């Protein structure tokens, strides 16, 4: 009898929340497109400030301790029309959870390779035009940061987000001027590259 009462109570709670979170009154805007297609890349260099995260401007001097991440993001086109709002009942005490366009990620593309090239002499091991993947970690979702190689080995699914954060692990030693080129290669044989703005990284 106790089990039946608990079951009935759960059904009642779910029923109430379903009524309050249906596609017709969940207040979710229409999701027009389920997937996206990548057509390029871009990036921005960020820093920590008292006001939060801000972009680092061209030729700006920034202390390495204030340098935060380099945000690499995909330029995308949305594809695959979807006429119904995306919502979820099972989320944070049955609260509504709305989705954005492209919530299913890339429809056909998978990340095959990332190459980060320094355009200035970085240190005695990495001179201008050398690949410096080993000096970066990738931060993604709630997992935390990991090396680029480990990330690529583990990432066996299609791209599910339109950005990733790259964390520089040490400051330049030979030249305070810092500028990189990033090359992204996709499973569809698309290759995109982008140069960052040039900034000056110092250590106090």
Protein backbone atom coordinates (compact mmCIF):
# COMPACT_ATOMS: atom_id res chain seq x y z
CA UNK A 1 0.00 0.00 0.00
CA UNK A 2 2.83 2.41 0.85
CA UNK A 3 4.50 1.68 -2.48
CA UNK A 4 1.26 2.41 -4.33
CA UNK A 5 0.89 5.74 -2.53
CA UNK A 6 4.44 6.74 -3.47
CA UNK A 7 3.84 5.70 -7.08
CA UNK A 8 0.60 7.67 -7.25
CA UNK A 9 2.32 10.72 -5.77
CA UNK A 10 5.09 10.54 -8.38
CA UNK A 11 2.55 10.21 -11.19
CA UNK A 12 0.69 13.23 -9.84
CA UNK A 13 3.88 15.33 -9.63
CA UNK A 14 4.98 14.36 -13.14
CA UNK A 15 1.50 15.00 -14.48
CA UNK A 16 1.38 18.48 -12.96
CA UNK A 17 4.80 19.37 -14.27
CA UNK A 18 4.04 17.94 -17.67
CA UNK A 19 1.01 20.19 -17.83
CA UNK A 20 3.13 23.18 -16.82
CA UNK A 21 5.95 22.23 -19.17
CA UNK A 22 4.20 21.10 -22.31
CA UNK A 23 5.27 22.35 -25.74
CA UNK A 24 2.31 24.74 -25.61
CA UNK A 25 3.04 26.52 -22.31
CA UNK A 26 6.71 25.89 -21.55
CA UNK A 27 7.61 29.29 -23.01
CA UNK A 28 10.33 27.71 -25.13
CA UNK A 29 10.95 29.60 -28.37
CA UNK A 30 10.75 27.50 -31.55
CA UNK A 31 13.92 25.62 -32.44
CA UNK A 32 14.23 26.12 -36.16
CA UNK A 33 17.34 24.02 -36.80
CA UNK A 34 18.65 20.92 -35.06
CA UNK A 35 22.16 20.81 -36.54
CA UNK A 36 24.86 23.10 -37.82
CA UNK A 37 27.44 22.95 -40.61
CA UNK A 38 30.93 24.43 -40.14
CA UNK A 39 32.16 26.91 -42.74
CA UNK A 40 35.17 28.49 -40.99
CA UNK A 41 36.86 29.28 -37.68
CA UNK A 42 37.63 32.35 -35.63
CA UNK A 43 39.24 33.06 -32.27
CA UNK A 44 39.63 35.60 -29.51
CA UNK A 45 42.21 35.91 -26.73
CA UNK A 46 40.75 36.60 -23.28
CA UNK A 47 42.00 37.83 -19.91
CA UNK A 48 40.73 37.94 -16.34
CA UNK A 49 39.83 41.35 -14.97
CA UNK A 50 37.99 42.75 -11.95
CA UNK A 51 34.96 43.08 -14.19
CA UNK A 52 35.12 39.50 -15.44
CA UNK A 53 36.42 38.03 -18.70
CA UNK A 54 37.42 40.53 -21.38
CA UNK A 55 38.98 40.34 -24.83
CA UNK A 56 42.68 41.15 -25.28
CA UNK A 57 43.10 43.77 -28.01
CA UNK A 58 45.71 43.90 -30.77
CA UNK A 59 49.15 44.93 -29.41
CA UNK A 60 47.84 44.96 -25.83
CA UNK A 61 50.28 44.08 -23.03
CA UNK A 62 48.90 41.44 -20.67
CA UNK A 63 50.46 39.69 -17.70
CA UNK A 64 50.59 35.93 -18.11
CA UNK A 65 48.84 35.48 -14.75
CA UNK A 66 45.89 37.44 -16.14
CA UNK A 67 45.78 35.60 -19.45
CA UNK A 68 42.77 33.28 -19.46
CA UNK A 69 41.95 31.27 -22.56
CA UNK A 70 41.96 31.51 -26.32
CA UNK A 71 38.45 30.82 -27.49
CA UNK A 72 38.34 28.93 -30.76
CA UNK A 73 34.90 28.93 -32.28
CA UNK A 74 33.38 27.64 -35.47
CA UNK A 75 31.59 29.82 -37.99
CA UNK A 76 28.43 27.86 -38.65
CA UNK A 77 25.31 27.62 -40.77
CA UNK A 78 22.23 26.02 -39.21
CA UNK A 79 20.71 23.10 -41.08
CA UNK A 80 17.92 20.47 -40.72
CA UNK A 81 14.67 22.28 -40.08
CA UNK A 82 12.78 21.29 -36.93
CA UNK A 83 9.29 22.67 -36.34
CA UNK A 84 8.87 21.78 -32.65
CA UNK A 85 10.37 23.38 -29.54
CA UNK A 86 12.94 21.27 -27.72
CA UNK A 87 12.20 20.89 -24.03
CA UNK A 88 12.90 18.53 -21.16
CA UNK A 89 10.77 17.45 -18.21
CA UNK A 90 13.48 15.68 -16.23
CA UNK A 91 15.71 18.57 -15.26
CA UNK A 92 16.27 20.42 -11.98
CA UNK A 93 13.09 19.43 -10.16
CA UNK A 94 11.21 19.03 -13.44
CA UNK A 95 11.87 22.61 -14.59
CA UNK A 96 11.61 23.40 -18.27
CA UNK A 97 14.86 23.33 -20.24
CA UNK A 98 14.84 25.03 -23.63
CA UNK A 99 17.35 24.39 -26.41
CA UNK A 100 19.05 26.68 -28.90
CA UNK A 101 19.38 26.29 -32.65
CA UNK A 102 22.02 23.69 -33.48
CA UNK A 103 21.54 21.87 -30.18
CA UNK A 104 22.40 18.50 -31.79
CA UNK A 105 25.78 19.78 -33.02
CA UNK A 106 27.40 19.17 -36.38
CA UNK A 107 25.44 16.82 -38.59
CA UNK A 108 28.37 15.40 -40.60
CA UNK A 109 31.67 16.85 -39.34
CA UNK A 110 34.13 15.40 -36.87
CA UNK A 111 37.30 17.04 -35.61
CA UNK A 112 40.35 15.22 -37.01
CA UNK A 113 43.24 17.53 -36.14
CA UNK A 114 44.13 20.84 -34.54
CA UNK A 115 47.51 22.44 -35.25
CA UNK A 116 48.69 25.50 -33.34
CA UNK A 117 51.71 27.30 -34.84
CA UNK A 118 53.65 30.09 -33.16
CA UNK A 119 54.45 32.98 -35.51
CA UNK A 120 57.19 34.33 -33.20
CA UNK A 121 60.10 32.68 -31.41
CA UNK A 122 58.49 31.27 -28.26
CA UNK A 123 61.39 29.62 -26.44
CA UNK A 124 64.55 27.65 -27.26
CA UNK A 125 62.45 24.59 -28.15
CA UNK A 126 59.77 26.34 -30.18
CA UNK A 127 60.85 28.91 -32.72
CA UNK A 128 58.75 30.85 -35.24
CA UNK A 129 56.58 28.57 -37.43
CA UNK A 130 56.96 25.62 -35.06
CA UNK A 131 53.92 23.65 -33.88
CA UNK A 132 53.23 24.34 -30.19
CA UNK A 133 50.32 21.98 -29.46
CA UNK A 134 52.25 20.70 -26.43
CA UNK A 135 52.04 24.14 -24.83
CA UNK A 136 48.23 24.12 -24.76
CA UNK A 137 45.43 22.27 -23.05
CA UNK A 138 41.82 22.12 -24.22
CA UNK A 139 39.02 22.80 -21.78
CA UNK A 140 35.62 21.38 -22.66
CA UNK A 141 32.26 20.75 -20.93
CA UNK A 142 32.50 19.76 -17.27
CA UNK A 143 35.40 17.35 -17.74
CA UNK A 144 38.09 19.98 -17.33
CA UNK A 145 41.25 20.55 -19.36
CA UNK A 146 43.35 17.95 -21.16
CA UNK A 147 46.09 17.82 -23.76
CA UNK A 148 45.14 18.28 -27.40
CA UNK A 149 46.30 14.76 -28.30
CA UNK A 150 44.24 13.16 -25.54
CA UNK A 151 41.24 15.22 -26.50
CA UNK A 152 41.45 14.11 -30.13
CA UNK A 153 41.97 10.47 -29.14
CA UNK A 154 38.92 10.55 -26.89
CA UNK A 155 36.67 12.58 -29.17
CA UNK A 156 35.12 9.94 -31.43
CA UNK A 157 31.75 11.62 -32.00
CA UNK A 158 30.59 14.43 -34.22
CA UNK A 159 31.26 17.96 -33.00
CA UNK A 160 28.57 18.81 -30.45
CA UNK A 161 29.52 22.39 -29.64
CA UNK A 162 30.44 25.49 -31.62
CA UNK A 163 33.50 26.47 -29.51
CA UNK A 164 36.37 25.23 -27.37
CA UNK A 165 38.80 26.92 -24.98
CA UNK A 166 42.59 26.67 -25.35
CA UNK A 167 44.79 27.32 -22.31
CA UNK A 168 48.42 28.38 -22.79
CA UNK A 169 50.55 26.58 -20.18
CA UNK A 170 53.58 28.91 -20.03
CA UNK A 171 54.63 32.41 -21.03
CA UNK A 172 56.90 33.09 -24.02
CA UNK A 173 60.59 33.32 -23.15
CA UNK A 174 62.44 34.57 -26.26
CA UNK A 175 59.92 37.09 -27.53
CA UNK A 176 57.14 38.72 -25.54
CA UNK A 177 55.19 39.22 -28.75
CA UNK A 178 52.68 36.42 -29.06
CA UNK A 179 50.79 35.48 -32.19
CA UNK A 180 49.58 32.08 -33.34
CA UNK A 181 47.93 30.40 -36.30
CA UNK A 182 45.39 27.64 -35.74
CA UNK A 183 44.61 25.05 -38.41
CA UNK A 184 41.53 22.86 -38.00
CA UNK A 185 41.05 19.76 -40.13
CA UNK A 186 37.66 18.05 -40.27
CA UNK A 187 36.63 14.53 -41.24
CA UNK A 188 34.91 15.96 -44.32
CA UNK A 189 38.31 17.08 -45.70
CA UNK A 190 37.55 20.70 -44.86
CA UNK A 191 40.58 22.66 -43.63
CA UNK A 192 40.27 26.05 -41.96
CA UNK A 193 42.93 28.32 -40.56
CA UNK A 194 42.99 31.59 -38.66
CA UNK A 195 45.69 33.87 -37.25
CA UNK A 196 45.23 35.49 -33.86
CA UNK A 197 45.80 39.13 -33.08
CA UNK A 198 49.33 39.89 -31.87
CA UNK A 199 49.64 40.72 -28.18
CA UNK A 200 52.52 41.05 -25.74
CA UNK A 201 52.66 38.60 -22.82
CA UNK A 202 54.84 39.57 -19.84
CA UNK A 203 55.63 37.98 -16.50
CA UNK A 204 56.07 40.10 -13.35
